[in-house]
Amino acid sequence: MNIDERLEKLAERHEALAQTVELIAAEQRDMQRAADARVARLEEAMTKMAGAMSNMMDAITNHEKRIDRLEER
């Protein structure tokens, strides 16, 4: 194998590696977008859950106050 053949082979390998890196980068971008979307949905769910818990705590507090008033009678 002469120098020209070696250079040609190296150029082919370089091109194949460059294409592979591009594919990996595109896949990584897609995975990051999907992860970002999942995080956004989780944040929304956590916000809703926190609101529901706050409402539940208010209901519990009100219930306890009513029980206390009834017990005072």
PDB file of N, CA and C in Angstrom:
ATOM      1  N   MET A   1       0.853  -1.170   0.000  1.00  0.00           N
ATOM      2  CA  MET A   1       0.000   0.000   0.000  1.00  0.00           C
ATOM      3  C   MET A   1       0.905   1.241   0.000  1.00  0.00           C
ATOM      4  N   ASN A   2       0.729   2.075  -1.019  1.00  0.00           N
ATOM      5  CA  ASN A   2       1.562   3.267  -1.111  1.00  0.00           C
ATOM      6  C   ASN A   2       0.938   4.427  -0.336  1.00  0.00           C
ATOM      7  N   ILE A   3       1.628   5.542  -0.319  1.00  0.00           N
ATOM      8  CA  ILE A   3       1.213   6.691   0.482  1.00  0.00           C
ATOM      9  C   ILE A   3      -0.123   7.256   0.016  1.00  0.00           C
ATOM     10  N   ASP A   4      -0.371   7.272  -1.287  1.00  0.00           N
ATOM     11  CA  ASP A   4      -1.637   7.786  -1.815  1.00  0.00           C
ATOM     12  C   ASP A   4      -2.808   6.912  -1.363  1.00  0.00           C
ATOM     13  N   GLU A   5      -2.597   5.606  -1.381  1.00  0.00           N
ATOM     14  CA  GLU A   5      -3.649   4.690  -0.931  1.00  0.00           C
ATOM     15  C   GLU A   5      -3.919   4.863   0.570  1.00  0.00           C
ATOM     16  N   ARG A   6      -2.868   5.048   1.309  1.00  0.00           N
ATOM     17  CA  ARG A   6      -3.016   5.264   2.758  1.00  0.00           C
ATOM     18  C   ARG A   6      -3.777   6.562   3.041  1.00  0.00           C
ATOM     19  N   LEU A   7      -3.410   7.617   2.314  1.00  0.00           N
ATOM     20  CA  LEU A   7      -4.101   8.893   2.490  1.00  0.00           C
ATOM     21  C   LEU A   7      -5.576   8.770   2.114  1.00  0.00           C
ATOM     22  N   GLU A   8      -5.849   8.060   1.044  1.00  0.00           N
ATOM     23  CA  GLU A   8      -7.235   7.847   0.614  1.00  0.00           C
ATOM     24  C   GLU A   8      -8.013   7.085   1.692  1.00  0.00           C
ATOM     25  N   LYS A   9      -7.399   6.046   2.239  1.00  0.00           N
ATOM     26  CA  LYS A   9      -8.032   5.246   3.298  1.00  0.00           C
ATOM     27  C   LYS A   9      -8.288   6.107   4.541  1.00  0.00           C
ATOM     28  N   LEU A  10      -7.303   6.925   4.918  1.00  0.00           N
ATOM     29  CA  LEU A  10      -7.476   7.822   6.055  1.00  0.00           C
ATOM     30  C   LEU A  10      -8.592   8.831   5.813  1.00  0.00           C
ATOM     31  N   ALA A  11      -8.667   9.348   4.600  1.00  0.00           N
ATOM     32  CA  ALA A  11      -9.724  10.305   4.262  1.00  0.00           C
ATOM     33  C   ALA A  11     -11.095   9.639   4.374  1.00  0.00           C
ATOM     34  N   GLU A  12     -11.211   8.393   3.932  1.00  0.00           N
ATOM     35  CA  GLU A  12     -12.472   7.654   4.029  1.00  0.00           C
ATOM     36  C   GLU A  12     -12.854   7.436   5.498  1.00  0.00           C
ATOM     37  N   ARG A  13     -11.884   7.059   6.289  1.00  0.00           N
ATOM     38  CA  ARG A  13     -12.143   6.841   7.717  1.00  0.00           C
ATOM     39  C   ARG A  13     -12.540   8.150   8.400  1.00  0.00           C
ATOM     40  N   HIS A  14     -11.857   9.216   8.038  1.00  0.00           N
ATOM     41  CA  HIS A  14     -12.179  10.525   8.605  1.00  0.00           C
ATOM     42  C   HIS A  14     -13.611  10.914   8.273  1.00  0.00           C
ATOM     43  N   GLU A  15     -14.016  10.719   7.035  1.00  0.00           N
ATOM     44  CA  GLU A  15     -15.378  11.052   6.617  1.00  0.00           C
ATOM     45  C   GLU A  15     -16.390  10.190   7.370  1.00  0.00           C
ATOM     46  N   ALA A  16     -16.103   8.911   7.513  1.00  0.00           N
ATOM     47  CA  ALA A  16     -17.011   8.023   8.243  1.00  0.00           C
ATOM     48  C   ALA A  16     -17.135   8.458   9.702  1.00  0.00           C
ATOM     49  N   LEU A  17     -16.028   8.818  10.310  1.00  0.00           N
ATOM     50  CA  LEU A  17     -16.061   9.290  11.700  1.00  0.00           C
ATOM     51  C   LEU A  17     -16.839  10.598  11.820  1.00  0.00           C
ATOM     52  N   ALA A  18     -16.637  11.499  10.877  1.00  0.00           N
ATOM     53  CA  ALA A  18     -17.350  12.776  10.900  1.00  0.00           C
ATOM     54  C   ALA A  18     -18.862  12.543  10.792  1.00  0.00           C
ATOM     55  N   GLN A  19     -19.277  11.635   9.933  1.00  0.00           N
ATOM     56  CA  GLN A  19     -20.705  11.319   9.794  1.00  0.00           C
ATOM     57  C   GLN A  19     -21.249  10.699  11.076  1.00  0.00           C
ATOM     58  N   THR A  20     -20.463   9.819  11.686  1.00  0.00           N
ATOM     59  CA  THR A  20     -20.884   9.195  12.938  1.00  0.00           C
ATOM     60  C   THR A  20     -21.055  10.232  14.026  1.00  0.00           C
ATOM     61  N   VAL A  21     -20.116  11.156  14.121  1.00  0.00           N
ATOM     62  CA  VAL A  21     -20.204  12.218  15.125  1.00  0.00           C
ATOM     63  C   VAL A  21     -21.439  13.078  14.872  1.00  0.00           C
ATOM     64  N   GLU A  22     -21.737  13.380  13.633  1.00  0.00           N
ATOM     65  CA  GLU A  22     -22.934  14.161  13.312  1.00  0.00           C
ATOM     66  C   GLU A  22     -24.195  13.421  13.733  1.00  0.00           C
ATOM     67  N   LEU A  23     -24.245  12.118  13.482  1.00  0.00           N
ATOM     68  CA  LEU A  23     -25.414  11.322  13.875  1.00  0.00           C
ATOM     69  C   LEU A  23     -25.564  11.281  15.396  1.00  0.00           C
ATOM     70  N   ILE A  24     -24.459  11.099  16.089  1.00  0.00           N
ATOM     71  CA  ILE A  24     -24.500  11.071  17.553  1.00  0.00           C
ATOM     72  C   ILE A  24     -24.949  12.424  18.097  1.00  0.00           C
ATOM     73  N   ALA A  25     -24.455  13.493  17.521  1.00  0.00           N
ATOM     74  CA  ALA A  25     -24.835  14.830  17.973  1.00  0.00           C
ATOM     75  C   ALA A  25     -26.330  15.075  17.738  1.00  0.00           C
ATOM     76  N   ALA A  26     -26.840  14.658  16.589  1.00  0.00           N
ATOM     77  CA  ALA A  26     -28.265  14.829  16.306  1.00  0.00           C
ATOM     78  C   ALA A  26     -29.105  14.002  17.284  1.00  0.00           C
ATOM     79  N   GLU A  27     -28.675  12.786  17.553  1.00  0.00           N
ATOM     80  CA  GLU A  27     -29.386  11.937  18.502  1.00  0.00           C
ATOM     81  C   GLU A  27     -29.364  12.555  19.902  1.00  0.00           C
ATOM     82  N   GLN A  28     -28.232  13.117  20.281  1.00  0.00           N
ATOM     83  CA  GLN A  28     -28.118  13.763  21.587  1.00  0.00           C
ATOM     84  C   GLN A  28     -29.059  14.957  21.687  1.00  0.00           C
ATOM     85  N   ARG A  29     -29.154  15.754  20.620  1.00  0.00           N
ATOM     86  CA  ARG A  29     -30.076  16.893  20.622  1.00  0.00           C
ATOM     87  C   ARG A  29     -31.518  16.418  20.785  1.00  0.00           C
ATOM     88  N   ASP A  30     -31.879  15.346  20.068  1.00  0.00           N
ATOM     89  CA  ASP A  30     -33.232  14.801  20.186  1.00  0.00           C
ATOM     90  C   ASP A  30     -33.499  14.298  21.604  1.00  0.00           C
ATOM     91  N   MET A  31     -32.533  13.613  22.184  1.00  0.00           N
ATOM     92  CA  MET A  31     -32.687  13.094  23.538  1.00  0.00           C
ATOM     93  C   MET A  31     -32.807  14.243  24.538  1.00  0.00           C
ATOM     94  N   GLN A  32     -32.053  15.312  24.337  1.00  0.00           N
ATOM     95  CA  GLN A  32     -32.115  16.462  25.234  1.00  0.00           C
ATOM     96  C   GLN A  32     -33.473  17.137  25.149  1.00  0.00           C
ATOM     97  N   ARG A  33     -34.003  17.282  23.929  1.00  0.00           N
ATOM     98  CA  ARG A  33     -35.342  17.868  23.773  1.00  0.00           C
ATOM     99  C   ARG A  33     -36.386  17.026  24.493  1.00  0.00           C
ATOM    100  N   ALA A  34     -36.294  15.702  24.337  1.00  0.00           N
ATOM    101  CA  ALA A  34     -37.243  14.806  24.997  1.00  0.00           C
ATOM    102  C   ALA A  34     -37.112  14.912  26.518  1.00  0.00           C
ATOM    103  N   ALA A  35     -35.887  14.969  27.012  1.00  0.00           N
ATOM    104  CA  ALA A  35     -35.664  15.100  28.455  1.00  0.00           C
ATOM    105  C   ALA A  35     -36.208  16.435  28.961  1.00  0.00           C
ATOM    106  N   ASP A  36     -35.988  17.497  28.224  1.00  0.00           N
ATOM    107  CA  ASP A  36     -36.503  18.809  28.610  1.00  0.00           C
ATOM    108  C   ASP A  36     -38.030  18.789  28.688  1.00  0.00           C
ATOM    109  N   ALA A  37     -38.665  18.118  27.724  1.00  0.00           N
ATOM    110  CA  ALA A  37     -40.122  18.026  27.722  1.00  0.00           C
ATOM    111  C   ALA A  37     -40.607  17.238  28.938  1.00  0.00           C
ATOM    112  N   ARG A  38     -39.915  16.139  29.272  1.00  0.00           N
ATOM    113  CA  ARG A  38     -40.297  15.349  30.450  1.00  0.00           C
ATOM    114  C   ARG A  38     -40.142  16.167  31.725  1.00  0.00           C
ATOM    115  N   VAL A  39     -39.058  16.917  31.829  1.00  0.00           N
ATOM    116  CA  VAL A  39     -38.835  17.754  33.007  1.00  0.00           C
ATOM    117  C   VAL A  39     -39.937  18.813  33.121  1.00  0.00           C
ATOM    118  N   ALA A  40     -40.319  19.397  32.004  1.00  0.00           N
ATOM    119  CA  ALA A  40     -41.387  20.408  32.027  1.00  0.00           C
ATOM    120  C   ALA A  40     -42.699  19.792  32.508  1.00  0.00           C
ATOM    121  N   ARG A  41     -43.008  18.574  32.028  1.00  0.00           N
ATOM    122  CA  ARG A  41     -44.236  17.902  32.476  1.00  0.00           C
ATOM    123  C   ARG A  41     -44.160  17.571  33.963  1.00  0.00           C
ATOM    124  N   LEU A  42     -43.003  17.135  34.416  1.00  0.00           N
ATOM    125  CA  LEU A  42     -42.836  16.825  35.838  1.00  0.00           C
ATOM    126  C   LEU A  42     -42.984  18.076  36.701  1.00  0.00           C
ATOM    127  N   GLU A  43     -42.402  19.184  36.241  1.00  0.00           N
ATOM    128  CA  GLU A  43     -42.528  20.436  36.984  1.00  0.00           C
ATOM    129  C   GLU A  43     -43.988  20.856  37.083  1.00  0.00           C
ATOM    130  N   GLU A  44     -44.716  20.706  35.985  1.00  0.00           N
ATOM    131  CA  GLU A  44     -46.139  21.054  35.984  1.00  0.00           C
ATOM    132  C   GLU A  44     -46.907  20.150  36.957  1.00  0.00           C
ATOM    133  N   ALA A  45     -46.609  18.867  36.929  1.00  0.00           N
ATOM    134  CA  ALA A  45     -47.284  17.931  37.833  1.00  0.00           C
ATOM    135  C   ALA A  45     -46.962  18.250  39.290  1.00  0.00           C
ATOM    136  N   MET A  46     -45.708  18.591  39.559  1.00  0.00           N
ATOM    137  CA  MET A  46     -45.319  18.923  40.931  1.00  0.00           C
ATOM    138  C   MET A  46     -46.014  20.199  41.401  1.00  0.00           C
ATOM    139  N   THR A  47     -46.159  21.168  40.522  1.00  0.00           N
ATOM    140  CA  THR A  47     -46.857  22.405  40.874  1.00  0.00           C
ATOM    141  C   THR A  47     -48.316  22.107  41.210  1.00  0.00           C
ATOM    142  N   LYS A  48     -48.955  21.264  40.388  1.00  0.00           N
ATOM    143  CA  LYS A  48     -50.342  20.885  40.660  1.00  0.00           C
ATOM    144  C   LYS A  48     -50.451  20.131  41.981  1.00  0.00           C
ATOM    145  N   MET A  49     -49.495  19.226  42.214  1.00  0.00           N
ATOM    146  CA  MET A  49     -49.520  18.443  43.441  1.00  0.00           C
ATOM    147  C   MET A  49     -49.327  19.348  44.658  1.00  0.00           C
ATOM    148  N   ALA A  50     -48.425  20.310  44.556  1.00  0.00           N
ATOM    149  CA  ALA A  50     -48.201  21.240  45.664  1.00  0.00           C
ATOM    150  C   ALA A  50     -49.466  22.041  45.942  1.00  0.00           C
ATOM    151  N   GLY A  51     -50.158  22.464  44.908  1.00  0.00           N
ATOM    152  CA  GLY A  51     -51.416  23.191  45.086  1.00  0.00           C
ATOM    153  C   GLY A  51     -52.472  22.317  45.752  1.00  0.00           C
ATOM    154  N   ALA A  52     -52.560  21.070  45.317  1.00  0.00           N
ATOM    155  CA  ALA A  52     -53.530  20.148  45.912  1.00  0.00           C
ATOM    156  C   ALA A  52     -53.198  19.893  47.374  1.00  0.00           C
ATOM    157  N   MET A  53     -51.919  19.752  47.683  1.00  0.00           N
ATOM    158  CA  MET A  53     -51.516  19.529  49.073  1.00  0.00           C
ATOM    159  C   MET A  53     -51.835  20.752  49.927  1.00  0.00           C
ATOM    160  N   SER A  54     -51.624  21.921  49.371  1.00  0.00           N
ATOM    161  CA  SER A  54     -51.949  23.147  50.101  1.00  0.00           C
ATOM    162  C   SER A  54     -53.443  23.213  50.376  1.00  0.00           C
ATOM    163  N   ASN A  55     -54.249  22.886  49.375  1.00  0.00           N
ATOM    164  CA  ASN A  55     -55.701  22.872  49.569  1.00  0.00           C
ATOM    165  C   ASN A  55     -56.088  21.846  50.628  1.00  0.00           C
ATOM    166  N   MET A  56     -55.435  20.693  50.602  1.00  0.00           N
ATOM    167  CA  MET A  56     -55.730  19.659  51.578  1.00  0.00           C
ATOM    168  C   MET A  56     -55.361  20.119  52.990  1.00  0.00           C
ATOM    169  N   MET A  57     -54.234  20.776  53.102  1.00  0.00           N
ATOM    170  CA  MET A  57     -53.821  21.295  54.414  1.00  0.00           C
ATOM    171  C   MET A  57     -54.816  22.333  54.922  1.00  0.00           C
ATOM    172  N   ASP A  58     -55.318  23.183  54.031  1.00  0.00           N
ATOM    173  CA  ASP A  58     -56.329  24.166  54.424  1.00  0.00           C
ATOM    174  C   ASP A  58     -57.588  23.462  54.920  1.00  0.00           C
ATOM    175  N   ALA A  59     -58.012  22.430  54.203  1.00  0.00           N
ATOM    176  CA  ALA A  59     -59.207  21.678  54.604  1.00  0.00           C
ATOM    177  C   ALA A  59     -58.992  21.002  55.955  1.00  0.00           C
ATOM    178  N   ILE A  60     -57.809  20.434  56.157  1.00  0.00           N
ATOM    179  CA  ILE A  60     -57.502  19.781  57.432  1.00  0.00           C
ATOM    180  C   ILE A  60     -57.507  20.797  58.566  1.00  0.00           C
ATOM    181  N   THR A  61     -56.891  21.947  58.333  1.00  0.00           N
ATOM    182  CA  THR A  61     -56.853  22.997  59.354  1.00  0.00           C
ATOM    183  C   THR A  61     -58.261  23.461  59.702  1.00  0.00           C
ATOM    184  N   ASN A  62     -59.074  23.688  58.685  1.00  0.00           N
ATOM    185  CA  ASN A  62     -60.458  24.112  58.922  1.00  0.00           C
ATOM    186  C   ASN A  62     -61.229  23.036  59.679  1.00  0.00           C
ATOM    187  N   HIS A  63     -61.032  21.805  59.330  1.00  0.00           N
ATOM    188  CA  HIS A  63     -61.698  20.699  60.007  1.00  0.00           C
ATOM    189  C   HIS A  63     -61.281  20.637  61.477  1.00  0.00           C
ATOM    190  N   GLU A  64     -59.989  20.784  61.737  1.00  0.00           N
ATOM    191  CA  GLU A  64     -59.506  20.770  63.118  1.00  0.00           C
ATOM    192  C   GLU A  64     -60.101  21.920  63.923  1.00  0.00           C
ATOM    193  N   LYS A  65     -60.206  23.084  63.298  1.00  0.00           N
ATOM    194  CA  LYS A  65     -60.802  24.235  63.984  1.00  0.00           C
ATOM    195  C   LYS A  65     -62.265  23.960  64.331  1.00  0.00           C
ATOM    196  N   ARG A  66     -63.002  23.357  63.397  1.00  0.00           N
ATOM    197  CA  ARG A  66     -64.394  23.023  63.665  1.00  0.00           C
ATOM    198  C   ARG A  66     -64.505  22.019  64.805  1.00  0.00           C
ATOM    199  N   ILE A  67     -63.645  21.033  64.806  1.00  0.00           N
ATOM    200  CA  ILE A  67     -63.657  20.031  65.882  1.00  0.00           C
ATOM    201  C   ILE A  67     -63.362  20.713  67.215  1.00  0.00           C
ATOM    202  N   ASP A  68     -62.368  21.599  67.250  1.00  0.00           N
ATOM    203  CA  ASP A  68     -62.030  22.319  68.474  1.00  0.00           C
ATOM    204  C   ASP A  68     -63.232  23.137  68.974  1.00  0.00           C
ATOM    205  N   ARG A  69     -63.931  23.818  68.041  1.00  0.00           N
ATOM    206  CA  ARG A  69     -65.091  24.609  68.440  1.00  0.00           C
ATOM    207  C   ARG A  69     -66.201  23.718  68.988  1.00  0.00           C
ATOM    208  N   LEU A  70     -66.397  22.585  68.362  1.00  0.00           N
ATOM    209  CA  LEU A  70     -67.432  21.654  68.848  1.00  0.00           C
ATOM    210  C   LEU A  70     -67.071  21.089  70.223  1.00  0.00           C
ATOM    211  N   GLU A  71     -65.785  20.825  70.429  1.00  0.00           N
ATOM    212  CA  GLU A  71     -65.362  20.276  71.708  1.00  0.00           C
ATOM    213  C   GLU A  71     -65.463  21.300  72.823  1.00  0.00           C
ATOM    214  N   GLU A  72     -65.383  22.568  72.480  1.00  0.00           N
ATOM    215  CA  GLU A  72     -65.472  23.632  73.492  1.00  0.00           C
ATOM    216  C   GLU A  72     -66.887  23.805  73.990  1.00  0.00           C
ATOM    217  N   ARG A  73     -67.857  23.367  73.292  1.00  0.00           N
ATOM    218  CA  ARG A  73     -69.280  23.548  73.688  1.00  0.00           C
ATOM    219  C   ARG A  73     -69.652  22.646  74.815  1.00  0.00           C
TER     220      ARG A  73
END
